[in-house]
Amino acid sequence: MSKKKVTVILCIVAFLVLSVCGYMYFFVVKSSQEDNFAKLREGMKPWENISAQGISVYVPEDYEYAQNEFYSQYLKGSAKVTLTSEAASDDVANYAYYAVRKYEEITDSFMIRTEYDDTAAQTPLHVVEFDYSLNLDSGIKTFSCLSAYELGNGRAYVLTCVCDSAEFSQHLEEFHRIYKTMALTGSEDR
């Protein structure tokens, strides 16, 4: 066989091997991500009567559902988890910056603990953990909050997990699990 034919055959074999390896890698990674998402939701239940269309979220089974005239929420002790949505077309970090500034404007004191980018169901989101206080009739009350911001379907989805500051470390792992279950569904409510 000529040197040219051997080179062509080797190139074809290399291409086929790389294609098969690439396909296998994609299949294994995708399957692994789906398994991880299923494991993440173990011991959790889907958000009932979700008012923010276009997204699904799971909460721990021991959280209790509550509804008021404006939104639904889940409660456990001092922990309160709400999900809101509004039309938005900005990038997620920029949207989060302006949303957090609104908290800063309406609270008596405000301090960001940490801020970072993450993903949930392969969609980028921005997370901000912060402390704030309010001067209420009963005195100054201090809260800690984790807010996760996700954009999709022309909307911003804001998951807000808040509790008394003294209990934040007790709830933080649950708050992280909740925001990691956020998944865009493709439905739109414009």
Protein backbone atom coordinates (compact mmCIF):
# COMPACT_ATOMS: atom_id res chain seq x y z
CA MET A 1 0.00 0.00 0.00
CA SER A 2 1.17 3.45 -0.74
CA LYS A 3 2.10 5.88 1.96
CA LYS A 4 -0.76 8.18 0.93
CA LYS A 5 -3.40 5.42 1.34
CA VAL A 6 -2.03 4.47 4.77
CA THR A 7 -2.22 8.12 5.87
CA VAL A 8 -5.83 8.45 4.64
CA ILE A 9 -6.85 5.20 6.38
CA LEU A 10 -5.17 6.31 9.63
CA CYS A 11 -6.93 9.68 9.45
CA ILE A 12 -10.31 7.98 8.93
CA VAL A 13 -9.69 5.57 11.83
CA ALA A 14 -8.56 8.46 14.08
CA PHE A 15 -11.66 10.44 13.15
CA LEU A 16 -13.93 7.49 13.92
CA VAL A 17 -12.21 6.80 17.24
CA LEU A 18 -12.46 10.47 18.25
CA SER A 19 -16.12 10.59 17.19
CA VAL A 20 -16.98 7.51 19.22
CA CYS A 21 -15.03 8.82 22.25
CA GLY A 22 -16.74 12.21 21.97
CA TYR A 23 -20.17 10.61 21.75
CA MET A 24 -19.45 8.34 24.73
CA TYR A 25 -18.13 11.26 26.79
CA PHE A 26 -21.22 13.36 26.01
CA PHE A 27 -23.52 10.46 26.83
CA VAL A 28 -21.77 9.70 30.14
CA VAL A 29 -21.56 13.36 31.23
CA LYS A 30 -25.21 14.06 30.34
CA SER A 31 -26.36 10.91 32.13
CA SER A 32 -24.24 11.82 35.16
CA GLN A 33 -25.73 15.34 35.30
CA GLU A 34 -29.27 13.93 35.16
CA ASP A 35 -28.42 11.44 37.93
CA ASN A 36 -26.95 14.24 40.07
CA PHE A 37 -30.08 16.36 39.54
CA ALA A 38 -32.29 13.41 40.58
CA LYS A 39 -30.14 12.82 43.70
CA LEU A 40 -30.29 16.51 44.57
CA ARG A 41 -34.10 16.35 44.64
CA GLU A 42 -34.24 13.32 46.98
CA GLY A 43 -36.22 14.21 50.10
CA MET A 44 -37.68 17.22 48.32
CA LYS A 45 -41.07 18.03 46.81
CA PRO A 46 -42.02 20.23 43.83
CA TRP A 47 -43.18 23.79 44.54
CA GLU A 48 -47.02 23.75 44.65
CA ASN A 49 -49.09 26.19 42.59
CA ILE A 50 -46.00 27.97 41.34
CA SER A 51 -46.94 31.53 40.37
CA ALA A 52 -43.69 32.15 38.46
CA GLN A 53 -44.44 30.29 35.22
CA GLY A 54 -41.51 28.93 33.20
CA ILE A 55 -39.53 27.43 36.07
CA SER A 56 -39.67 24.50 38.45
CA VAL A 57 -38.21 24.41 41.96
CA TYR A 58 -38.09 21.77 44.67
CA VAL A 59 -38.13 22.36 48.44
CA PRO A 60 -37.35 20.02 51.35
CA GLU A 61 -40.34 17.91 52.38
CA ASP A 62 -40.42 19.41 55.90
CA TYR A 63 -41.06 22.94 54.57
CA GLU A 64 -44.72 23.98 54.75
CA TYR A 65 -46.55 25.68 51.88
CA ALA A 66 -48.20 29.05 52.51
CA GLN A 67 -50.01 31.36 50.10
CA ASN A 68 -50.87 35.03 50.42
CA GLU A 69 -52.50 37.34 47.92
CA PHE A 70 -49.19 38.21 46.22
CA TYR A 71 -47.07 35.03 46.13
CA SER A 72 -46.58 31.53 47.47
CA GLN A 73 -43.85 30.65 49.92
CA TYR A 74 -42.46 27.79 51.97
CA LEU A 75 -41.77 28.06 55.69
CA LYS A 76 -39.74 26.13 58.25
CA GLY A 77 -39.16 27.79 61.61
CA SER A 78 -37.84 31.29 60.89
CA ALA A 79 -36.87 30.27 57.33
CA LYS A 80 -38.99 31.64 54.51
CA VAL A 81 -38.48 30.77 50.82
CA THR A 82 -40.20 32.79 48.08
CA LEU A 83 -40.02 32.71 44.30
CA THR A 84 -40.88 35.72 42.17
CA SER A 85 -40.59 36.53 38.50
CA GLU A 86 -40.67 39.59 36.28
CA ALA A 87 -39.95 40.42 32.65
CA ALA A 88 -36.23 41.02 32.10
CA SER A 89 -33.73 40.94 29.27
CA ASP A 90 -30.52 41.89 31.09
CA ASP A 91 -27.59 39.64 31.95
CA VAL A 92 -28.00 37.77 35.22
CA ALA A 93 -25.16 39.44 37.19
CA ASN A 94 -26.35 42.91 36.14
CA TYR A 95 -29.95 42.09 37.07
CA ALA A 96 -28.79 40.74 40.46
CA TYR A 97 -26.76 43.91 41.11
CA TYR A 98 -29.81 46.15 40.71
CA ALA A 99 -32.08 43.78 42.65
CA VAL A 100 -29.67 43.71 45.60
CA ARG A 101 -29.39 47.51 45.52
CA LYS A 102 -33.20 47.63 46.08
CA TYR A 103 -32.71 45.66 49.32
CA GLU A 104 -29.97 48.06 50.32
CA GLU A 105 -32.26 51.05 49.77
CA ILE A 106 -35.19 49.76 51.86
CA THR A 107 -33.32 48.28 54.83
CA ASP A 108 -31.83 50.02 57.85
CA SER A 109 -28.47 48.27 57.49
CA PHE A 110 -27.12 46.04 54.74
CA MET A 111 -23.98 43.94 54.22
CA ILE A 112 -23.13 41.45 51.48
CA ARG A 113 -21.61 38.23 52.87
CA THR A 114 -20.65 36.70 49.52
CA GLU A 115 -21.59 36.82 45.86
CA TYR A 116 -20.87 34.21 43.18
CA ASP A 117 -21.93 32.70 39.86
CA ASP A 118 -23.24 29.15 39.73
CA THR A 119 -25.42 26.93 37.57
CA ALA A 120 -28.66 25.06 38.13
CA ALA A 121 -29.86 22.52 35.56
CA GLN A 122 -27.13 23.81 33.21
CA THR A 123 -28.45 27.38 33.36
CA PRO A 124 -26.25 30.16 34.75
CA LEU A 125 -27.44 31.96 37.83
CA HIS A 126 -26.05 34.54 40.22
CA VAL A 127 -26.22 34.07 43.99
CA VAL A 128 -25.91 36.76 46.65
CA GLU A 129 -25.83 36.06 50.39
CA PHE A 130 -26.35 39.10 52.59
CA ASP A 131 -27.44 40.38 56.01
CA TYR A 132 -29.87 43.21 56.64
CA SER A 133 -31.75 44.72 59.53
CA LEU A 134 -35.09 46.43 59.90
CA ASN A 135 -36.12 48.78 62.68
CA LEU A 136 -39.56 47.40 63.60
CA ASP A 137 -41.99 48.40 66.35
CA SER A 138 -40.65 45.45 68.37
CA GLY A 139 -37.04 46.64 67.93
CA ILE A 140 -34.25 46.05 65.44
CA LYS A 141 -34.56 42.67 63.71
CA THR A 142 -31.60 41.18 61.81
CA PHE A 143 -32.04 38.77 58.91
CA SER A 144 -29.74 36.83 56.59
CA CYS A 145 -30.69 36.05 53.03
CA LEU A 146 -29.61 33.96 50.07
CA SER A 147 -31.02 35.22 46.77
CA ALA A 148 -30.52 33.27 43.53
CA TYR A 149 -31.18 35.05 40.23
CA GLU A 150 -31.79 33.14 37.00
CA LEU A 151 -32.79 34.50 33.59
CA GLY A 152 -34.72 32.63 30.91
CA ASN A 153 -37.86 32.80 28.79
CA GLY A 154 -37.51 36.62 28.78
CA ARG A 155 -37.93 36.68 32.56
CA ALA A 156 -35.89 36.99 35.75
CA TYR A 157 -36.60 34.36 38.39
CA VAL A 158 -35.65 35.33 41.93
CA LEU A 159 -35.49 32.71 44.66
CA THR A 160 -35.24 34.39 48.07
CA CYS A 161 -34.35 32.34 51.14
CA VAL A 162 -34.38 34.37 54.35
CA CYS A 163 -34.28 33.64 58.09
CA ASP A 164 -33.20 35.16 61.38
CA SER A 165 -29.45 35.81 61.19
CA ALA A 166 -28.78 33.62 64.24
CA GLU A 167 -30.23 30.61 62.34
CA PHE A 168 -28.70 31.24 58.90
CA SER A 169 -25.95 28.63 59.23
CA GLN A 170 -28.58 26.02 60.18
CA HIS A 171 -30.55 26.64 56.98
CA LEU A 172 -27.76 27.45 54.52
CA GLU A 173 -27.27 23.91 53.19
CA GLU A 174 -31.02 23.59 52.54
CA PHE A 175 -31.06 26.99 50.82
CA HIS A 176 -28.24 25.82 48.52
CA ARG A 177 -30.08 22.60 47.69
CA ILE A 178 -33.25 24.55 46.88
CA TYR A 179 -31.61 26.96 44.41
CA LYS A 180 -29.72 24.09 42.76
CA THR A 181 -33.12 22.56 41.80
CA MET A 182 -34.19 25.63 39.80
CA ALA A 183 -34.87 24.50 36.22
CA LEU A 184 -36.33 26.46 33.34
CA THR A 185 -39.34 24.68 31.85
CA GLY A 186 -39.81 26.66 28.63
CA SER A 187 -43.30 27.87 29.57
CA GLU A 188 -43.71 31.59 29.34
CA ASP A 189 -45.98 33.92 31.27
CA ARG A 190 -45.52 37.34 29.75
